């Protein structure tokens, strides 16, 4: 059973077909890339997969479960987490609290228990702190757990956003241009981080990226979008050498 199976996904905005008959199958544990020129429909596809938009037609299956058109929170609880092209951290919260925010799927106490600081509140908070610190340690951020998220360097903010996404305990992780704004050293470190996350957590990863060095370095398979259509699909090397893909990026 595939981790993600999308069939004939469509969405239009007015007269514009932003995503047109999109199909993709991603197996468990794959590191898969979704690429294409600006405006090709990549982020719109992510928004469809995560419930930000509801598709006009088509189906989305996660590990055999139909999640088509469900609410974002329901899709997250089913096992899909994402990061964003523009980092969306709670910048005035601590690094630790940013990760704890993502633990809502697995750790809970009632409002009354929180207000009156009842025993369950302290028990759950202790468990959440422990789990959040474990995740921060994976990314080398445990020593900065009390820093404001906004005070972290750019590359570490990217890592924190991935750590927060992982704290929701997903099966499928969607990364939207994780290398955007990074210098070559940060990008190289990010490549290692993504590989590490896939291997350590047994994660299935789908990423959007414009950095072809990163894409060719870590992605096993690719789908190329162009004007909402799938232009090419298959193994990374074959796709990147496809004349239609080269033309879409560089022109004739």
Protein backbone atom coordinates (compact mmCIF):
# COMPACT_ATOMS: atom_id res chain seq x y z
CA UNK A 1 0.00 0.00 0.00
CA UNK A 2 1.37 3.41 -0.99
CA UNK A 3 1.83 6.08 1.65
CA UNK A 4 0.28 8.69 -0.63
CA UNK A 5 -1.87 8.08 -3.68
CA UNK A 6 -3.40 11.00 -5.54
CA UNK A 7 -5.70 10.45 -8.51
CA UNK A 8 -6.94 13.02 -11.03
CA UNK A 9 -6.76 15.97 -8.64
CA UNK A 10 -8.20 19.22 -10.01
CA UNK A 11 -8.77 22.75 -8.79
CA UNK A 12 -9.63 25.94 -10.65
CA UNK A 13 -9.65 29.57 -9.56
CA UNK A 14 -12.08 31.40 -11.80
CA UNK A 15 -11.16 30.32 -15.30
CA UNK A 16 -7.63 29.25 -14.35
CA UNK A 17 -6.90 25.54 -13.89
CA UNK A 18 -4.24 25.71 -11.20
CA UNK A 19 -3.91 21.93 -10.88
CA UNK A 20 -5.18 19.74 -13.69
CA UNK A 21 -5.53 15.92 -13.43
CA UNK A 22 -2.64 15.58 -11.00
CA UNK A 23 -1.57 12.02 -10.19
CA UNK A 24 1.19 10.83 -7.90
CA UNK A 25 2.03 7.68 -5.95
CA UNK A 26 4.63 7.79 -3.17
CA UNK A 27 5.72 4.62 -1.41
CA UNK A 28 6.47 4.39 2.30
CA UNK A 29 9.92 5.69 3.15
CA UNK A 30 10.50 7.45 -0.18
CA UNK A 31 12.13 10.83 -0.49
CA UNK A 32 10.20 12.36 -3.36
CA UNK A 33 10.55 15.74 -5.10
CA UNK A 34 7.89 17.97 -6.66
CA UNK A 35 9.51 20.53 -8.94
CA UNK A 36 8.57 22.97 -11.68
CA UNK A 37 8.90 26.62 -12.74
CA UNK A 38 7.35 29.41 -10.68
CA UNK A 39 3.56 29.35 -10.94
CA UNK A 40 3.46 25.67 -11.94
CA UNK A 41 1.02 24.77 -9.15
CA UNK A 42 3.37 23.16 -6.62
CA UNK A 43 2.29 25.03 -3.48
CA UNK A 44 -1.34 24.80 -4.60
CA UNK A 45 -0.87 21.02 -4.68
CA UNK A 46 0.51 21.11 -1.13
CA UNK A 47 -2.51 23.19 -0.08
CA UNK A 48 -4.80 20.55 -1.56
CA UNK A 49 -2.95 17.73 0.21
CA UNK A 50 -3.19 19.52 3.56
CA UNK A 51 -6.80 20.73 3.37
CA UNK A 52 -6.12 24.43 2.86
CA UNK A 53 -8.01 24.09 -0.42
CA UNK A 54 -10.71 21.56 -1.26
CA UNK A 55 -10.29 19.96 -4.69
CA UNK A 56 -12.94 20.36 -7.37
CA UNK A 57 -12.50 16.66 -8.16
CA UNK A 58 -10.11 13.78 -7.64
CA UNK A 59 -9.03 11.77 -4.61
CA UNK A 60 -6.25 11.78 -2.00
CA UNK A 61 -5.42 8.62 -0.06
CA UNK A 62 -2.98 8.49 2.88
CA UNK A 63 -1.82 5.00 3.79
CA UNK A 64 -5.08 3.62 2.41
CA UNK A 65 -7.32 6.20 4.13
CA UNK A 66 -9.32 8.71 2.09
CA UNK A 67 -8.50 12.25 3.25
CA UNK A 68 -9.97 14.11 0.25
CA UNK A 69 -11.46 17.47 1.23
CA UNK A 70 -11.02 16.97 4.97
CA UNK A 71 -10.15 19.82 7.34
CA UNK A 72 -6.51 20.72 7.84
CA UNK A 73 -6.55 19.61 11.48
CA UNK A 74 -8.11 16.26 10.55
CA UNK A 75 -5.47 15.70 7.85
CA UNK A 76 -2.73 16.55 10.34
CA UNK A 77 -4.16 14.11 12.87
CA UNK A 78 -4.35 11.48 10.12
CA UNK A 79 -0.58 11.83 9.67
CA UNK A 80 0.38 14.70 7.34
CA UNK A 81 2.59 17.58 8.50
CA UNK A 82 4.16 20.41 6.52
CA UNK A 83 6.56 23.31 6.58
CA UNK A 84 6.15 26.52 4.58
CA UNK A 85 8.10 28.41 1.95
CA UNK A 86 8.07 31.44 4.26
CA UNK A 87 8.97 30.26 7.75
CA UNK A 88 5.94 30.32 10.04
CA UNK A 89 7.20 30.00 13.58
CA UNK A 90 5.69 31.57 16.68
CA UNK A 91 8.54 34.05 16.75
CA UNK A 92 7.87 35.44 20.25
CA UNK A 93 7.64 32.00 21.83
CA UNK A 94 10.66 30.03 22.97
CA UNK A 95 12.24 27.35 20.81
CA UNK A 96 10.91 24.75 23.27
CA UNK A 97 7.36 26.12 23.20
CA UNK A 98 7.31 26.13 19.39
CA UNK A 99 7.86 22.37 19.43
CA UNK A 100 5.38 21.84 22.28
CA UNK A 101 2.68 23.53 20.18
CA UNK A 102 2.95 20.61 17.75
CA UNK A 103 2.43 17.98 20.45
CA UNK A 104 -1.32 18.63 20.67
CA UNK A 105 -2.13 15.39 18.83
CA UNK A 106 -0.67 13.20 21.56
CA UNK A 107 -0.67 15.14 24.84
CA UNK A 108 -3.81 16.69 26.34
CA UNK A 109 -5.25 18.06 29.57
CA UNK A 110 -8.52 19.91 30.15
CA UNK A 111 -8.92 23.66 30.51
CA UNK A 112 -9.89 23.20 34.15
CA UNK A 113 -6.80 21.07 34.81
CA UNK A 114 -4.66 23.80 33.24
CA UNK A 115 -6.27 26.73 35.07
CA UNK A 116 -6.08 25.13 38.51
CA UNK A 117 -2.73 23.41 37.89
CA UNK A 118 -4.10 20.00 38.79
CA UNK A 119 -1.79 16.94 38.98
CA UNK A 120 -2.54 15.86 35.41
CA UNK A 121 -1.42 19.29 34.15
CA UNK A 122 2.05 18.85 35.69
CA UNK A 123 2.30 15.25 34.49
CA UNK A 124 1.44 16.12 30.88
CA UNK A 125 3.66 19.23 30.85
CA UNK A 126 6.61 17.14 32.09
CA UNK A 127 6.02 14.56 29.35
CA UNK A 128 5.70 17.29 26.70
CA UNK A 129 8.90 19.01 27.82
CA UNK A 130 10.76 15.71 27.67
CA UNK A 131 9.49 14.87 24.18
CA UNK A 132 10.14 18.39 22.87
CA UNK A 133 13.71 18.32 24.20
CA UNK A 134 14.29 14.95 22.54
CA UNK A 135 13.28 16.41 19.18
CA UNK A 136 15.35 19.54 19.69
CA UNK A 137 18.38 17.39 20.50
CA UNK A 138 17.95 15.57 17.16
CA UNK A 139 18.42 18.91 15.40
CA UNK A 140 21.12 20.25 17.71
CA UNK A 141 18.79 22.89 19.15
CA UNK A 142 18.49 21.61 22.72
CA UNK A 143 21.07 24.13 23.94
CA UNK A 144 18.90 26.98 22.63
CA UNK A 145 15.57 25.72 23.97
CA UNK A 146 14.91 28.93 25.94
CA UNK A 147 15.85 31.30 23.11
CA UNK A 148 13.10 33.21 21.32
CA UNK A 149 12.49 31.55 17.97
CA UNK A 150 13.06 34.91 16.25
CA UNK A 151 16.61 35.06 17.67
CA UNK A 152 17.75 31.88 15.93
CA UNK A 153 19.82 32.13 12.72
CA UNK A 154 17.85 31.46 9.54
CA UNK A 155 19.11 27.91 9.03
CA UNK A 156 18.22 26.95 12.60
CA UNK A 157 14.74 28.44 12.20
CA UNK A 158 14.27 26.05 9.26
CA UNK A 159 15.35 23.15 11.47
CA UNK A 160 12.99 24.27 14.22
CA UNK A 161 10.08 24.35 11.78
CA UNK A 162 10.87 20.77 10.73
CA UNK A 163 11.14 19.73 14.40
CA UNK A 164 7.74 21.27 15.11
CA UNK A 165 6.21 19.44 12.14
CA UNK A 166 7.68 16.15 13.38
CA UNK A 167 6.23 16.73 16.85
CA UNK A 168 2.74 16.10 15.41
CA UNK A 169 3.90 12.50 14.79
CA UNK A 170 3.27 12.41 11.01
CA UNK A 171 3.63 9.58 8.53
CA UNK A 172 4.12 12.00 5.60
CA UNK A 173 6.19 15.18 5.84
CA UNK A 174 5.73 17.92 3.23
CA UNK A 175 8.59 20.41 2.90
CA UNK A 176 7.84 23.55 0.87
CA UNK A 177 11.13 24.98 -0.45
CA UNK A 178 13.15 24.17 2.69
CA UNK A 179 16.36 25.59 1.18
CA UNK A 180 14.84 28.97 0.25
CA UNK A 181 17.12 31.78 1.40
CA UNK A 182 19.94 29.48 2.50
CA UNK A 183 23.59 29.81 1.59
CA UNK A 184 25.45 26.78 0.11
CA UNK A 185 26.78 25.62 3.49
CA UNK A 186 23.32 25.79 5.07
CA UNK A 187 21.84 23.94 2.08
CA UNK A 188 24.42 21.15 2.37
CA UNK A 189 23.62 20.82 6.08
CA UNK A 190 19.90 20.78 5.29
CA UNK A 191 20.40 17.90 2.82
CA UNK A 192 21.98 15.85 5.59
CA UNK A 193 19.18 16.82 7.97
CA UNK A 194 16.47 15.68 5.55
CA UNK A 195 18.21 12.36 4.96
CA UNK A 196 18.63 11.94 8.71
CA UNK A 197 14.94 12.64 9.37
CA UNK A 198 13.88 10.09 6.75
CA UNK A 199 16.17 7.41 8.15
CA UNK A 200 15.75 8.05 11.90
CA UNK A 201 11.98 8.49 11.89
CA UNK A 202 11.16 6.14 9.00
CA UNK A 203 9.54 9.16 7.40
CA UNK A 204 8.05 9.51 3.93
CA UNK A 205 8.99 12.94 2.57
CA UNK A 206 7.63 15.00 -0.31
CA UNK A 207 9.45 18.25 -0.96
CA UNK A 208 9.11 21.24 -3.26
CA UNK A 209 12.45 22.75 -4.18
CA UNK A 210 14.09 24.97 -6.80
CA UNK A 211 17.65 24.11 -5.81
CA UNK A 212 18.48 21.40 -8.34
CA UNK A 213 21.65 20.41 -6.51
CA UNK A 214 19.58 19.57 -3.44
CA UNK A 215 16.91 17.84 -5.53
CA UNK A 216 19.38 15.68 -7.44
CA UNK A 217 21.31 14.96 -4.26
CA UNK A 218 18.51 13.54 -2.11
CA UNK A 219 15.35 12.83 -4.13
CA UNK A 220 14.85 9.29 -5.42
CA UNK A 221 11.92 10.19 -7.69
CA UNK A 222 10.48 13.39 -9.12
CA UNK A 223 7.27 14.77 -10.50
CA UNK A 224 7.52 17.91 -12.63
CA UNK A 225 4.59 20.32 -12.83
CA UNK A 226 4.16 22.94 -15.53
CA UNK A 227 1.07 25.16 -15.74
CA UNK A 228 -0.76 22.74 -13.44
CA UNK A 229 -0.05 19.67 -15.58
CA UNK A 230 2.31 16.79 -14.86
CA UNK A 231 5.10 17.24 -17.38
CA UNK A 232 7.29 14.31 -16.35
CA UNK A 233 7.47 11.68 -13.62
CA UNK A 234 9.93 8.99 -12.62
CA UNK A 235 13.47 8.45 -11.35
CA UNK A 236 15.36 11.66 -10.63
CA UNK A 237 18.17 11.26 -13.16
CA UNK A 238 15.79 10.38 -15.99
CA UNK A 239 13.44 13.26 -15.23
CA UNK A 240 16.19 15.88 -14.98
CA UNK A 241 17.53 14.78 -18.38
CA UNK A 242 14.08 14.90 -20.01
CA UNK A 243 14.18 17.45 -22.89
CA UNK A 244 10.67 18.73 -21.99
CA UNK A 245 11.76 19.40 -18.42
CA UNK A 246 14.92 21.22 -19.58
CA UNK A 247 12.81 23.29 -21.96
CA UNK A 248 10.31 24.21 -19.21
CA UNK A 249 13.12 25.52 -17.02
CA UNK A 250 15.51 27.02 -19.55
CA UNK A 251 13.38 27.62 -22.65
CA UNK A 252 14.00 26.31 -26.14
